[in-house]
PDB file of N, CA and C in Angstrom:
ATOM      1  N   MET A   1     212.828-149.610 115.003  1.00  0.00           N
ATOM      2  CA  MET A   1     212.396-148.301 115.366  1.00  0.00           C
ATOM      3  C   MET A   1     213.272-147.320 114.592  1.00  0.00           C
ATOM      4  N   GLY A   2     212.684-146.247 114.107  1.00  0.00           N
ATOM      5  CA  GLY A   2     213.476-145.289 113.351  1.00  0.00           C
ATOM      6  C   GLY A   2     212.780-143.951 113.214  1.00  0.00           C
ATOM      7  N   ALA A   3     213.512-143.019 112.619  1.00  0.00           N
ATOM      8  CA  ALA A   3     212.976-141.680 112.383  1.00  0.00           C
ATOM      9  C   ALA A   3     213.531-141.179 111.059  1.00  0.00           C
ATOM     10  N   ARG A   4     212.738-140.337 110.398  1.00  0.00           N
ATOM     11  CA  ARG A   4     213.141-139.755 109.121  1.00  0.00           C
ATOM     12  C   ARG A   4     212.646-138.320 109.081  1.00  0.00           C
ATOM     13  N   GLY A   5     213.542-137.408 108.678  1.00  0.00           N
ATOM     14  CA  GLY A   5     213.169-136.003 108.570  1.00  0.00           C
ATOM     15  C   GLY A   5     213.662-135.424 107.257  1.00  0.00           C
ATOM     16  N   VAL A   6     212.761-134.798 106.515  1.00  0.00           N
ATOM     17  CA  VAL A   6     213.108-134.178 105.236  1.00  0.00           C
ATOM     18  C   VAL A   6     213.801-132.857 105.514  1.00  0.00           C
ATOM     19  N   ILE A   7     214.994-132.664 104.908  1.00  0.00           N
ATOM     20  CA  ILE A   7     215.718-131.405 105.090  1.00  0.00           C
ATOM     21  C   ILE A   7     215.675-130.535 103.840  1.00  0.00           C
ATOM     22  N   LEU A   8     215.302-131.115 102.681  1.00  0.00           N
ATOM     23  CA  LEU A   8     215.176-130.352 101.451  1.00  0.00           C
ATOM     24  C   LEU A   8     214.145-131.041 100.569  1.00  0.00           C
ATOM     25  N   ASP A   9     213.185-130.263 100.061  1.00  0.00           N
ATOM     26  CA  ASP A   9     212.162-130.787  99.155  1.00  0.00           C
ATOM     27  C   ASP A   9     211.912-129.716  98.103  1.00  0.00           C
ATOM     28  N   ALA A  10     212.516-129.906  96.902  1.00  0.00           N
ATOM     29  CA  ALA A  10     212.413-128.875  95.864  1.00  0.00           C
ATOM     30  C   ALA A  10     212.357-129.512  94.486  1.00  0.00           C
ATOM     31  N   ASN A  11     211.374-129.104  93.686  1.00  0.00           N
ATOM     32  CA  ASN A  11     211.247-129.535  92.295  1.00  0.00           C
ATOM     33  C   ASN A  11     211.246-131.054  92.134  1.00  0.00           C
ATOM     34  N   GLY A  12     210.628-131.762  93.058  1.00  0.00           N
ATOM     35  CA  GLY A  12     210.555-133.215  92.975  1.00  0.00           C
ATOM     36  C   GLY A  12     211.726-133.939  93.605  1.00  0.00           C
ATOM     37  N   TYR A  13     212.793-133.224  93.964  1.00  0.00           N
ATOM     38  CA  TYR A  13     213.946-133.825  94.638  1.00  0.00           C
ATOM     39  C   TYR A  13     213.737-133.742  96.140  1.00  0.00           C
ATOM     40  N   GLU A  14     214.143-134.798  96.840  1.00  0.00           N
ATOM     41  CA  GLU A  14     213.999-134.805  98.291  1.00  0.00           C
ATOM     42  C   GLU A  14     215.293-135.295  98.924  1.00  0.00           C
ATOM     43  N   LEU A  15     215.752-134.597  99.948  1.00  0.00           N
ATOM     44  CA  LEU A  15     216.925-134.977 100.723  1.00  0.00           C
ATOM     45  C   LEU A  15     216.473-135.131 102.166  1.00  0.00           C
ATOM     46  N   ALA A  16     216.801-136.275 102.771  1.00  0.00           N
ATOM     47  CA  ALA A  16     216.311-136.555 104.119  1.00  0.00           C
ATOM     48  C   ALA A  16     217.413-137.179 104.965  1.00  0.00           C
ATOM     49  N   LEU A  17     217.336-136.958 106.270  1.00  0.00           N
ATOM     50  CA  LEU A  17     218.162-137.649 107.250  1.00  0.00           C
ATOM     51  C   LEU A  17     217.318-138.758 107.848  1.00  0.00           C
ATOM     52  N   ARG A  18     217.920-139.939 107.980  1.00  0.00           N
ATOM     53  CA  ARG A  18     217.169-141.075 108.513  1.00  0.00           C
ATOM     54  C   ARG A  18     218.050-141.838 109.483  1.00  0.00           C
ATOM     55  N   SER A  19     217.474-142.319 110.560  1.00  0.00           N
ATOM     56  CA  SER A  19     218.190-143.176 111.494  1.00  0.00           C
ATOM     57  C   SER A  19     217.257-144.296 111.916  1.00  0.00           C
ATOM     58  N   ASP A  20     217.844-145.434 112.220  1.00  0.00           N
ATOM     59  CA  ASP A  20     217.039-146.544 112.721  1.00  0.00           C
ATOM     60  C   ASP A  20     217.887-147.448 113.597  1.00  0.00           C
ATOM     61  N   ALA A  21     217.212-148.216 114.400  1.00  0.00           N
ATOM     62  CA  ALA A  21     217.861-149.167 115.302  1.00  0.00           C
ATOM     63  C   ALA A  21     216.965-150.381 115.441  1.00  0.00           C
ATOM     64  N   MET A  22     217.593-151.548 115.580  1.00  0.00           N
ATOM     65  CA  MET A  22     216.817-152.758 115.810  1.00  0.00           C
ATOM     66  C   MET A  22     217.596-153.690 116.725  1.00  0.00           C
ATOM     67  N   ARG A  23     216.890-154.511 117.431  1.00  0.00           N
ATOM     68  CA  ARG A  23     217.463-155.514 118.311  1.00  0.00           C
ATOM     69  C   ARG A  23     216.593-156.762 118.202  1.00  0.00           C
ATOM     70  N   VAL A  24     217.204-157.913 117.970  1.00  0.00           N
ATOM     71  CA  VAL A  24     216.464-159.164 117.823  1.00  0.00           C
ATOM     72  C   VAL A  24     217.094-160.218 118.723  1.00  0.00           C
ATOM     73  N   GLN A  25     216.261-160.961 119.426  1.00  0.00           N
ATOM     74  CA  GLN A  25     216.727-162.110 120.205  1.00  0.00           C
ATOM     75  C   GLN A  25     215.886-163.313 119.823  1.00  0.00           C
ATOM     76  N   MET A  26     216.574-164.396 119.489  1.00  0.00           N
ATOM     77  CA  MET A  26     215.889-165.642 119.150  1.00  0.00           C
ATOM     78  C   MET A  26     216.299-166.702 120.164  1.00  0.00           C
ATOM     79  N   THR A  27     215.347-167.514 120.588  1.00  0.00           N
ATOM     80  CA  THR A  27     215.641-168.592 121.535  1.00  0.00           C
ATOM     81  C   THR A  27     214.972-169.872 121.063  1.00  0.00           C
ATOM     82  N   SER A  28     215.563-170.977 121.457  1.00  0.00           N
ATOM     83  CA  SER A  28     214.926-172.273 121.216  1.00  0.00           C
ATOM     84  C   SER A  28     215.070-173.108 122.475  1.00  0.00           C
ATOM     85  N   ASP A  29     214.059-173.875 122.755  1.00  0.00           N
ATOM     86  CA  ASP A  29     214.079-174.735 123.932  1.00  0.00           C
ATOM     87  C   ASP A  29     214.901-175.990 123.660  1.00  0.00           C
ATOM     88  N   THR A  30     215.347-176.609 124.746  1.00  0.00           N
ATOM     89  CA  THR A  30     216.030-177.890 124.637  1.00  0.00           C
ATOM     90  C   THR A  30     214.991-178.966 124.341  1.00  0.00           C
ATOM     91  N   VAL A  31     215.290-179.801 123.375  1.00  0.00           N
ATOM     92  CA  VAL A  31     214.449-180.958 123.071  1.00  0.00           C
ATOM     93  C   VAL A  31     215.345-182.191 123.047  1.00  0.00           C
ATOM     94  N   VAL A  32     214.759-183.342 123.019  1.00  0.00           N
ATOM     95  CA  VAL A  32     215.524-184.582 123.026  1.00  0.00           C
ATOM     96  C   VAL A  32     216.498-184.589 121.855  1.00  0.00           C
ATOM     97  N   GLY A  33     217.778-184.704 122.164  1.00  0.00           N
ATOM     98  CA  GLY A  33     218.807-184.776 121.129  1.00  0.00           C
ATOM     99  C   GLY A  33     219.355-183.436 120.680  1.00  0.00           C
ATOM    100  N   LEU A  34     218.737-182.315 121.102  1.00  0.00           N
ATOM    101  CA  LEU A  34     219.214-180.989 120.695  1.00  0.00           C
ATOM    102  C   LEU A  34     219.276-180.059 121.895  1.00  0.00           C
ATOM    103  N   ALA A  35     220.345-179.296 121.979  1.00  0.00           N
ATOM    104  CA  ALA A  35     220.490-178.310 123.052  1.00  0.00           C
ATOM    105  C   ALA A  35     219.711-177.053 122.695  1.00  0.00           C
ATOM    106  N   GLY A  36     219.295-176.322 123.699  1.00  0.00           N
ATOM    107  CA  GLY A  36     218.647-175.035 123.473  1.00  0.00           C
ATOM    108  C   GLY A  36     219.674-174.002 123.020  1.00  0.00           C
ATOM    109  N   ALA A  37     219.203-172.915 122.467  1.00  0.00           N
ATOM    110  CA  ALA A  37     220.109-171.877 121.970  1.00  0.00           C
ATOM    111  C   ALA A  37     219.492-170.504 122.165  1.00  0.00           C
ATOM    112  N   VAL A  38     220.372-169.496 122.272  1.00  0.00           N
ATOM    113  CA  VAL A  38     219.968-168.095 122.339  1.00  0.00           C
ATOM    114  C   VAL A  38     220.881-167.322 121.388  1.00  0.00           C
ATOM    115  N   ALA A  39     220.294-166.481 120.543  1.00  0.00           N
ATOM    116  CA  ALA A  39     221.077-165.661 119.613  1.00  0.00           C
ATOM    117  C   ALA A  39     220.561-164.224 119.668  1.00  0.00           C
ATOM    118  N   ASN A  40     221.480-163.283 119.656  1.00  0.00           N
ATOM    119  CA  ASN A  40     221.153-161.850 119.687  1.00  0.00           C
ATOM    120  C   ASN A  40     221.820-161.154 118.516  1.00  0.00           C
ATOM    121  N   THR A  41     221.163-160.145 117.975  1.00  0.00           N
ATOM    122  CA  THR A  41     221.767-159.304 116.948  1.00  0.00           C
ATOM    123  C   THR A  41     221.166-157.901 117.042  1.00  0.00           C
ATOM    124  N   GLY A  42     221.930-156.913 116.601  1.00  0.00           N
ATOM    125  CA  GLY A  42     221.457-155.537 116.644  1.00  0.00           C
ATOM    126  C   GLY A  42     222.073-154.714 115.531  1.00  0.00           C
ATOM    127  N   ARG A  43     221.424-153.612 115.213  1.00  0.00           N
ATOM    128  CA  ARG A  43     221.926-152.702 114.177  1.00  0.00           C
ATOM    129  C   ARG A  43     221.484-151.284 114.508  1.00  0.00           C
ATOM    130  N   VAL A  44     222.405-150.322 114.306  1.00  0.00           N
ATOM    131  CA  VAL A  44     222.120-148.895 114.446  1.00  0.00           C
ATOM    132  C   VAL A  44     222.651-148.223 113.184  1.00  0.00           C
ATOM    133  N   ARG A  45     221.839-147.358 112.554  1.00  0.00           N
ATOM    134  CA  ARG A  45     222.264-146.679 111.327  1.00  0.00           C
ATOM    135  C   ARG A  45     221.891-145.200 111.379  1.00  0.00           C
ATOM    136  N   ALA A  46     222.712-144.380 110.707  1.00  0.00           N
ATOM    137  CA  ALA A  46     222.420-142.963 110.456  1.00  0.00           C
ATOM    138  C   ALA A  46     222.704-142.729 108.978  1.00  0.00           C
ATOM    139  N   LEU A  47     221.704-142.257 108.222  1.00  0.00           N
ATOM    140  CA  LEU A  47     221.796-142.200 106.769  1.00  0.00           C
ATOM    141  C   LEU A  47     221.386-140.842 106.210  1.00  0.00           C
ATOM    142  N   LEU A  48     221.970-140.512 105.074  1.00  0.00           N
ATOM    143  CA  LEU A  48     221.538-139.388 104.256  1.00  0.00           C
ATOM    144  C   LEU A  48     220.903-139.997 103.010  1.00  0.00           C
ATOM    145  N   GLU A  49     219.658-139.650 102.742  1.00  0.00           N
ATOM    146  CA  GLU A  49     218.877-140.279 101.671  1.00  0.00           C
ATOM    147  C   GLU A  49     218.420-139.227 100.667  1.00  0.00           C
ATOM    148  N   GLY A  50     218.686-139.478  99.382  1.00  0.00           N
ATOM    149  CA  GLY A  50     218.212-138.601  98.326  1.00  0.00           C
ATOM    150  C   GLY A  50     217.282-139.356  97.391  1.00  0.00           C
ATOM    151  N   SER A  51     216.214-138.725  96.945  1.00  0.00           N
ATOM    152  CA  SER A  51     215.270-139.400  96.049  1.00  0.00           C
ATOM    153  C   SER A  51     214.631-138.386  95.102  1.00  0.00           C
ATOM    154  N   ARG A  52     214.027-138.914  94.059  1.00  0.00           N
ATOM    155  CA  ARG A  52     213.323-138.098  93.063  1.00  0.00           C
ATOM    156  C   ARG A  52     212.145-138.903  92.553  1.00  0.00           C
ATOM    157  N   MET A  53     210.946-138.359  92.641  1.00  0.00           N
ATOM    158  CA  MET A  53     209.731-139.018  92.167  1.00  0.00           C
ATOM    159  C   MET A  53     209.455-138.594  90.729  1.00  0.00           C
ATOM    160  N   PHE A  54     209.228-139.581  89.868  1.00  0.00           N
ATOM    161  CA  PHE A  54     208.869-139.335  88.467  1.00  0.00           C
ATOM    162  C   PHE A  54     207.486-139.915  88.214  1.00  0.00           C
ATOM    163  N   ALA A  55     206.542-139.074  87.796  1.00  0.00           N
ATOM    164  CA  ALA A  55     205.195-139.534  87.469  1.00  0.00           C
ATOM    165  C   ALA A  55     205.217-140.267  86.134  1.00  0.00           C
ATOM    166  N   LEU A  56     204.505-141.393  86.068  1.00  0.00           N
ATOM    167  CA  LEU A  56     204.418-142.188  84.839  1.00  0.00           C
ATOM    168  C   LEU A  56     202.990-142.224  84.308  1.00  0.00           C
ATOM    169  N   GLY A  57     202.183-141.312  84.727  1.00  0.00           N
ATOM    170  CA  GLY A  57     200.783-141.295  84.338  1.00  0.00           C
ATOM    171  C   GLY A  57     199.925-141.236  85.584  1.00  0.00           C
ATOM    172  N   GLU A  58     198.642-141.358  85.392  1.00  0.00           N
ATOM    173  CA  GLU A  58     197.719-141.281  86.515  1.00  0.00           C
ATOM    174  C   GLU A  58     197.907-142.456  87.458  1.00  0.00           C
ATOM    175  N   ASN A  59     198.136-142.169  88.744  1.00  0.00           N
ATOM    176  CA  ASN A  59     198.332-143.161  89.801  1.00  0.00           C
ATOM    177  C   ASN A  59     199.527-144.077  89.575  1.00  0.00           C
ATOM    178  N   ARG A  60     200.514-143.669  88.771  1.00  0.00           N
ATOM    179  CA  ARG A  60     201.719-144.484  88.559  1.00  0.00           C
ATOM    180  C   ARG A  60     202.943-143.584  88.666  1.00  0.00           C
ATOM    181  N   ALA A  61     203.988-144.087  89.337  1.00  0.00           N
ATOM    182  CA  ALA A  61     205.207-143.299  89.512  1.00  0.00           C
ATOM    183  C   ALA A  61     206.374-144.240  89.774  1.00  0.00           C
ATOM    184  N   ILE A  62     207.582-143.711  89.593  1.00  0.00           N
ATOM    185  CA  ILE A  62     208.804-144.426  89.937  1.00  0.00           C
ATOM    186  C   ILE A  62     209.654-143.475  90.773  1.00  0.00           C
ATOM    187  N   GLU A  63     210.299-144.010  91.821  1.00  0.00           N
ATOM    188  CA  GLU A  63     211.087-143.170  92.721  1.00  0.00           C
ATOM    189  C   GLU A  63     212.457-143.810  92.975  1.00  0.00           C
ATOM    190  N   PRO A  64     213.495-143.399  92.230  1.00  0.00           N
ATOM    191  CA  PRO A  64     214.849-143.868  92.539  1.00  0.00           C
ATOM    192  C   PRO A  64     215.341-143.224  93.844  1.00  0.00           C
ATOM    193  N   THR A  65     216.074-143.981  94.656  1.00  0.00           N
ATOM    194  CA  THR A  65     216.573-143.510  95.937  1.00  0.00           C
ATOM    195  C   THR A  65     218.039-143.900  96.082  1.00  0.00           C
ATOM    196  N   LEU A  66     218.846-143.025  96.655  1.00  0.00           N
ATOM    197  CA  LEU A  66     220.252-143.298  96.907  1.00  0.00           C
ATOM    198  C   LEU A  66     220.552-142.920  98.354  1.00  0.00           C
ATOM    199  N   GLU A  67     221.258-143.803  99.092  1.00  0.00           N
ATOM    200  CA  GLU A  67     221.582-143.572 100.496  1.00  0.00           C
ATOM    201  C   GLU A  67     223.077-143.731 100.745  1.00  0.00           C
ATOM    202  N   PHE A  68     223.586-142.941 101.687  1.00  0.00           N
ATOM    203  CA  PHE A  68     224.937-143.086 102.228  1.00  0.00           C
ATOM    204  C   PHE A  68     224.813-142.970 103.736  1.00  0.00           C
ATOM    205  N   GLY A  69     225.636-143.695 104.485  1.00  0.00           N
ATOM    206  CA  GLY A  69     225.533-143.542 105.924  1.00  0.00           C
ATOM    207  C   GLY A  69     226.499-144.386 106.711  1.00  0.00           C
ATOM    208  N   LEU A  70     226.349-144.302 108.029  1.00  0.00           N
ATOM    209  CA  LEU A  70     227.139-145.071 108.979  1.00  0.00           C
ATOM    210  C   LEU A  70     226.280-146.162 109.582  1.00  0.00           C
ATOM    211  N   ARG A  71     226.927-147.301 109.882  1.00  0.00           N
ATOM    212  CA  ARG A  71     226.174-148.437 110.399  1.00  0.00           C
ATOM    213  C   ARG A  71     227.033-149.182 111.413  1.00  0.00           C
ATOM    214  N   HIS A  72     226.396-149.691 112.469  1.00  0.00           N
ATOM    215  CA  HIS A  72     227.074-150.532 113.451  1.00  0.00           C
ATOM    216  C   HIS A  72     226.219-151.777 113.689  1.00  0.00           C
ATOM    217  N   ASP A  73     226.809-152.949 113.470  1.00  0.00           N
ATOM    218  CA  ASP A  73     226.147-154.231 113.719  1.00  0.00           C
ATOM    219  C   ASP A  73     226.773-154.868 114.954  1.00  0.00           C
ATOM    220  N   SER A  74     225.930-155.467 115.798  1.00  0.00           N
ATOM    221  CA  SER A  74     226.419-156.111 117.016  1.00  0.00           C
ATOM    222  C   SER A  74     225.689-157.436 117.205  1.00  0.00           C
ATOM    223  N   GLY A  75     226.183-158.241 118.137  1.00  0.00           N
ATOM    224  CA  GLY A  75     225.507-159.474 118.484  1.00  0.00           C
ATOM    225  C   GLY A  75     226.304-160.707 118.159  1.00  0.00           C
ATOM    226  N   ASP A  76     225.591-161.810 117.898  1.00  0.00           N
ATOM    227  CA  ASP A  76     226.205-163.116 117.710  1.00  0.00           C
ATOM    228  C   ASP A  76     226.567-163.406 116.263  1.00  0.00           C
ATOM    229  N   ALA A  77     226.150-162.584 115.328  1.00  0.00           N
ATOM    230  CA  ALA A  77     226.492-162.782 113.913  1.00  0.00           C
ATOM    231  C   ALA A  77     227.684-161.884 113.576  1.00  0.00           C
ATOM    232  N   GLU A  78     227.841-161.526 112.304  1.00  0.00           N
ATOM    233  CA  GLU A  78     228.927-160.622 111.928  1.00  0.00           C
ATOM    234  C   GLU A  78     228.732-159.284 112.625  1.00  0.00           C
ATOM    235  N   THR A  79     229.836-158.741 113.137  1.00  0.00           N
ATOM    236  CA  THR A  79     229.749-157.485 113.874  1.00  0.00           C
ATOM    237  C   THR A  79     230.777-156.499 113.328  1.00  0.00           C
ATOM    238  N   GLY A  80     230.562-155.237 113.626  1.00  0.00           N
ATOM    239  CA  GLY A  80     231.520-154.218 113.236  1.00  0.00           C
ATOM    240  C   GLY A  80     230.838-152.909 112.914  1.00  0.00           C
ATOM    241  N   SER A  81     231.652-151.889 112.733  1.00  0.00           N
ATOM    242  CA  SER A  81     231.167-150.569 112.356  1.00  0.00           C
ATOM    243  C   SER A  81     231.767-150.205 111.014  1.00  0.00           C
ATOM    244  N   GLY A  82     231.059-149.387 110.281  1.00  0.00           N
ATOM    245  CA  GLY A  82     231.598-148.990 109.002  1.00  0.00           C
ATOM    246  C   GLY A  82     230.672-148.055 108.272  1.00  0.00           C
ATOM    247  N   PHE A  83     230.954-147.912 107.015  1.00  0.00           N
ATOM    248  CA  PHE A  83     230.270-146.971 106.150  1.00  0.00           C
ATOM    249  C   PHE A  83     229.381-147.734 105.192  1.00  0.00           C
ATOM    250  N   GLN A  84     228.106-147.452 105.200  1.00  0.00           N
ATOM    251  CA  GLN A  84     227.200-148.018 104.211  1.00  0.00           C
ATOM    252  C   GLN A  84     227.376-147.169 102.973  1.00  0.00           C
ATOM    253  N   ARG A  85     228.177-147.657 102.037  1.00  0.00           N
ATOM    254  CA  ARG A  85     228.608-146.846 100.896  1.00  0.00           C
ATOM    255  C   ARG A  85     227.454-146.414 100.024  1.00  0.00           C
ATOM    256  N   TRP A  86     226.582-147.322  99.697  1.00  0.00           N
ATOM    257  CA  TRP A  86     225.423-146.930  98.900  1.00  0.00           C
ATOM    258  C   TRP A  86     224.314-147.938  99.053  1.00  0.00           C
ATOM    259  N   ARG A  87     223.156-147.451  98.867  1.00  0.00           N
ATOM    260  CA  ARG A  87     221.967-148.297  98.772  1.00  0.00           C
ATOM    261  C   ARG A  87     221.121-147.635  97.707  1.00  0.00           C
ATOM    262  N   LEU A  88     220.883-148.341  96.640  1.00  0.00           N
ATOM    263  CA  LEU A  88     220.141-147.791  95.508  1.00  0.00           C
ATOM    264  C   LEU A  88     218.835-148.544  95.395  1.00  0.00           C
ATOM    265  N   GLY A  89     217.754-147.831  95.352  1.00  0.00           N
ATOM    266  CA  GLY A  89     216.452-148.471  95.260  1.00  0.00           C
ATOM    267  C   GLY A  89     215.561-147.785  94.257  1.00  0.00           C
ATOM    268  N   LYS A  90     214.604-148.532  93.735  1.00  0.00           N
ATOM    269  CA  LYS A  90     213.558-147.983  92.881  1.00  0.00           C
ATOM    270  C   LYS A  90     212.234-148.484  93.413  1.00  0.00           C
ATOM    271  N   ARG A  91     211.280-147.576  93.517  1.00  0.00           N
ATOM    272  CA  ARG A  91     209.949-147.947  93.992  1.00  0.00           C
ATOM    273  C   ARG A  91     208.953-147.555  92.920  1.00  0.00           C
ATOM    274  N   TRP A  92     208.080-148.479  92.579  1.00  0.00           N
ATOM    275  CA  TRP A  92     207.037-148.222  91.594  1.00  0.00           C
ATOM    276  C   TRP A  92     205.689-148.197  92.290  1.00  0.00           C
ATOM    277  N   GLU A  93     204.872-147.224  91.951  1.00  0.00           N
ATOM    278  CA  GLU A  93     203.465-147.227  92.358  1.00  0.00           C
ATOM    279  C   GLU A  93     202.667-147.555  91.111  1.00  0.00           C
ATOM    280  N   LEU A  94     202.046-148.719  91.116  1.00  0.00           N
ATOM    281  CA  LEU A  94     201.305-149.204  89.947  1.00  0.00           C
ATOM    282  C   LEU A  94     199.821-149.125  90.262  1.00  0.00           C
ATOM    283  N   GLY A  95     199.266-147.970  90.102  1.00  0.00           N
ATOM    284  CA  GLY A  95     197.877-147.761  90.489  1.00  0.00           C
ATOM    285  C   GLY A  95     197.818-147.449  91.970  1.00  0.00           C
ATOM    286  N   THR A  96     196.630-147.457  92.519  1.00  0.00           N
ATOM    287  CA  THR A  96     196.466-147.108  93.927  1.00  0.00           C
ATOM    288  C   THR A  96     196.596-148.314  94.839  1.00  0.00           C
ATOM    289  N   GLN A  97     196.665-149.524  94.297  1.00  0.00           N
ATOM    290  CA  GLN A  97     196.632-150.724  95.127  1.00  0.00           C
ATOM    291  C   GLN A  97     197.925-151.526  95.158  1.00  0.00           C
ATOM    292  N   LEU A  98     198.928-151.193  94.353  1.00  0.00           N
ATOM    293  CA  LEU A  98     200.113-152.032  94.265  1.00  0.00           C
ATOM    294  C   LEU A  98     201.381-151.192  94.238  1.00  0.00           C
ATOM    295  N   GLN A  99     202.335-151.553  95.073  1.00  0.00           N
ATOM    296  CA  GLN A  99     203.655-150.927  95.069  1.00  0.00           C
ATOM    297  C   GLN A  99     204.703-152.031  94.980  1.00  0.00           C
ATOM    298  N   MET A 100     205.745-151.818  94.195  1.00  0.00           N
ATOM    299  CA  MET A 100     206.848-152.769  94.066  1.00  0.00           C
ATOM    300  C   MET A 100     208.152-152.013  94.293  1.00  0.00           C
ATOM    301  N   SER A 101     209.159-152.689  94.848  1.00  0.00           N
ATOM    302  CA  SER A 101     210.460-152.047  95.003  1.00  0.00           C
ATOM    303  C   SER A 101     211.572-153.065  94.789  1.00  0.00           C
ATOM    304  N   VAL A 102     212.687-152.590  94.271  1.00  0.00           N
ATOM    305  CA  VAL A 102     213.903-153.378  94.092  1.00  0.00           C
ATOM    306  C   VAL A 102     215.031-152.561  94.698  1.00  0.00           C
ATOM    307  N   GLU A 103     215.855-153.179  95.541  1.00  0.00           N
ATOM    308  CA  GLU A 103     216.933-152.462  96.203  1.00  0.00           C
ATOM    309  C   GLU A 103     218.220-153.262  96.135  1.00  0.00           C
ATOM    310  N   GLY A 104     219.339-152.558  96.064  1.00  0.00           N
ATOM    311  CA  GLY A 104     220.654-153.181  96.146  1.00  0.00           C
ATOM    312  C   GLY A 104     221.522-152.346  97.053  1.00  0.00           C
ATOM    313  N   GLU A 105     222.486-152.968  97.745  1.00  0.00           N
ATOM    314  CA  GLU A 105     223.349-152.198  98.622  1.00  0.00           C
ATOM    315  C   GLU A 105     224.749-152.793  98.679  1.00  0.00           C
ATOM    316  N   ARG A 106     225.703-151.952  99.040  1.00  0.00           N
ATOM    317  CA  ARG A 106     227.083-152.377  99.262  1.00  0.00           C
ATOM    318  C   ARG A 106     227.537-151.736 100.561  1.00  0.00           C
ATOM    319  N   ASN A 107     228.138-152.543 101.426  1.00  0.00           N
ATOM    320  CA  ASN A 107     228.601-152.070 102.722  1.00  0.00           C
ATOM    321  C   ASN A 107     230.070-152.389 102.897  1.00  0.00           C
ATOM    322  N   GLU A 108     230.782-151.497 103.587  1.00  0.00           N
ATOM    323  CA  GLU A 108     232.171-151.753 103.938  1.00  0.00           C
ATOM    324  C   GLU A 108     232.336-151.541 105.430  1.00  0.00           C
ATOM    325  N   PHE A 109     232.967-152.507 106.090  1.00  0.00           N
ATOM    326  CA  PHE A 109     233.162-152.466 107.527  1.00  0.00           C
ATOM    327  C   PHE A 109     234.631-152.685 107.853  1.00  0.00           C
ATOM    328  N   GLU A 110     235.060-152.166 108.975  1.00  0.00           N
ATOM    329  CA  GLU A 110     236.422-152.400 109.427  1.00  0.00           C
ATOM    330  C   GLU A 110     236.674-153.884 109.671  1.00  0.00           C
ATOM    331  N   LEU A 111     235.721-154.566 110.245  1.00  0.00           N
ATOM    332  CA  LEU A 111     235.928-155.936 110.695  1.00  0.00           C
ATOM    333  C   LEU A 111     235.355-156.988 109.755  1.00  0.00           C
ATOM    334  N   MET A 112     234.812-156.573 108.629  1.00  0.00           N
ATOM    335  CA  MET A 112     234.199-157.529 107.708  1.00  0.00           C
ATOM    336  C   MET A 112     234.594-157.185 106.286  1.00  0.00           C
ATOM    337  N   ASP A 113     234.511-158.160 105.405  1.00  0.00           N
ATOM    338  CA  ASP A 113     234.677-157.910 103.980  1.00  0.00           C
ATOM    339  C   ASP A 113     233.455-157.162 103.475  1.00  0.00           C
ATOM    340  N   PRO A 114     233.574-156.428 102.367  1.00  0.00           N
ATOM    341  CA  PRO A 114     232.389-155.775 101.801  1.00  0.00           C
ATOM    342  C   PRO A 114     231.299-156.803 101.499  1.00  0.00           C
ATOM    343  N   ASP A 115     230.067-156.441 101.740  1.00  0.00           N
ATOM    344  CA  ASP A 115     228.972-157.342 101.408  1.00  0.00           C
ATOM    345  C   ASP A 115     227.987-156.634 100.486  1.00  0.00           C
ATOM    346  N   HIS A 116     227.242-157.442  99.761  1.00  0.00           N
ATOM    347  CA  HIS A 116     226.276-156.950  98.793  1.00  0.00           C
ATOM    348  C   HIS A 116     224.931-157.623  99.075  1.00  0.00           C
ATOM    349  N   ALA A 117     223.860-156.939  98.763  1.00  0.00           N
ATOM    350  CA  ALA A 117     222.532-157.526  98.945  1.00  0.00           C
ATOM    351  C   ALA A 117     221.585-156.951  97.907  1.00  0.00           C
ATOM    352  N   ILE A 118     220.644-157.767  97.474  1.00  0.00           N
ATOM    353  CA  ILE A 118     219.583-157.329  96.567  1.00  0.00           C
ATOM    354  C   ILE A 118     218.270-157.841  97.141  1.00  0.00           C
ATOM    355  N   SER A 119     217.251-157.012  97.154  1.00  0.00           N
ATOM    356  CA  SER A 119     215.945-157.453  97.631  1.00  0.00           C
ATOM    357  C   SER A 119     214.853-156.962  96.677  1.00  0.00           C
ATOM    358  N   VAL A 120     213.790-157.738  96.607  1.00  0.00           N
ATOM    359  CA  VAL A 120     212.608-157.398  95.820  1.00  0.00           C
ATOM    360  C   VAL A 120     211.425-157.491  96.769  1.00  0.00           C
ATOM    361  N   GLN A 121     210.592-156.460  96.773  1.00  0.00           N
ATOM    362  CA  GLN A 121     209.440-156.422  97.669  1.00  0.00           C
ATOM    363  C   GLN A 121     208.200-156.008  96.915  1.00  0.00           C
ATOM    364  N   GLY A 122     207.066-156.517  97.348  1.00  0.00           N
ATOM    365  CA  GLY A 122     205.778-156.109  96.796  1.00  0.00           C
ATOM    366  C   GLY A 122     204.826-155.775  97.919  1.00  0.00           C
ATOM    367  N   LEU A 123     203.976-154.824  97.703  1.00  0.00           N
ATOM    368  CA  LEU A 123     203.017-154.403  98.716  1.00  0.00           C
ATOM    369  C   LEU A 123     201.659-154.208  98.057  1.00  0.00           C
ATOM    370  N   LEU A 124     200.675-154.936  98.508  1.00  0.00           N
ATOM    371  CA  LEU A 124     199.311-154.803  98.017  1.00  0.00           C
ATOM    372  C   LEU A 124     198.511-154.036  99.056  1.00  0.00           C
ATOM    373  N   LEU A 125     197.963-152.903  98.675  1.00  0.00           N
ATOM    374  CA  LEU A 125     197.204-152.045  99.587  1.00  0.00           C
ATOM    375  C   LEU A 125     195.714-152.210  99.354  1.00  0.00           C
ATOM    376  N   TRP A 126     194.967-152.266 100.441  1.00  0.00           N
ATOM    377  CA  TRP A 126     193.510-152.285 100.294  1.00  0.00           C
ATOM    378  C   TRP A 126     192.861-151.580 101.441  1.00  0.00           C
TER     379      TRP A 126
END
């Protein structure tokens, strides 16, 4: 669940405040030879997001995005609070039916070593 509000939109540049929260619980039943398990995890974030859309022709564009913010992770996995130093993403609109994105991020937490992540996503619209 989350919310996003644009605070500045000028000459193709956009600055927005974004927050989100999630909670996940996974369970497994006991079966012969294996015990059941329950795992919980959660995340709350508040971010400042800047982006700029560049048109690449008719129905095609690229949108680089940069984020900074605060994050708190809880639950049975790695936990802690800290500063999400950056998240850099690029989103391509390739015609009206296909969107692709590549994102990378670096996080620093009081209770964890810095971590890095890269993701690639595709979205087919119809």
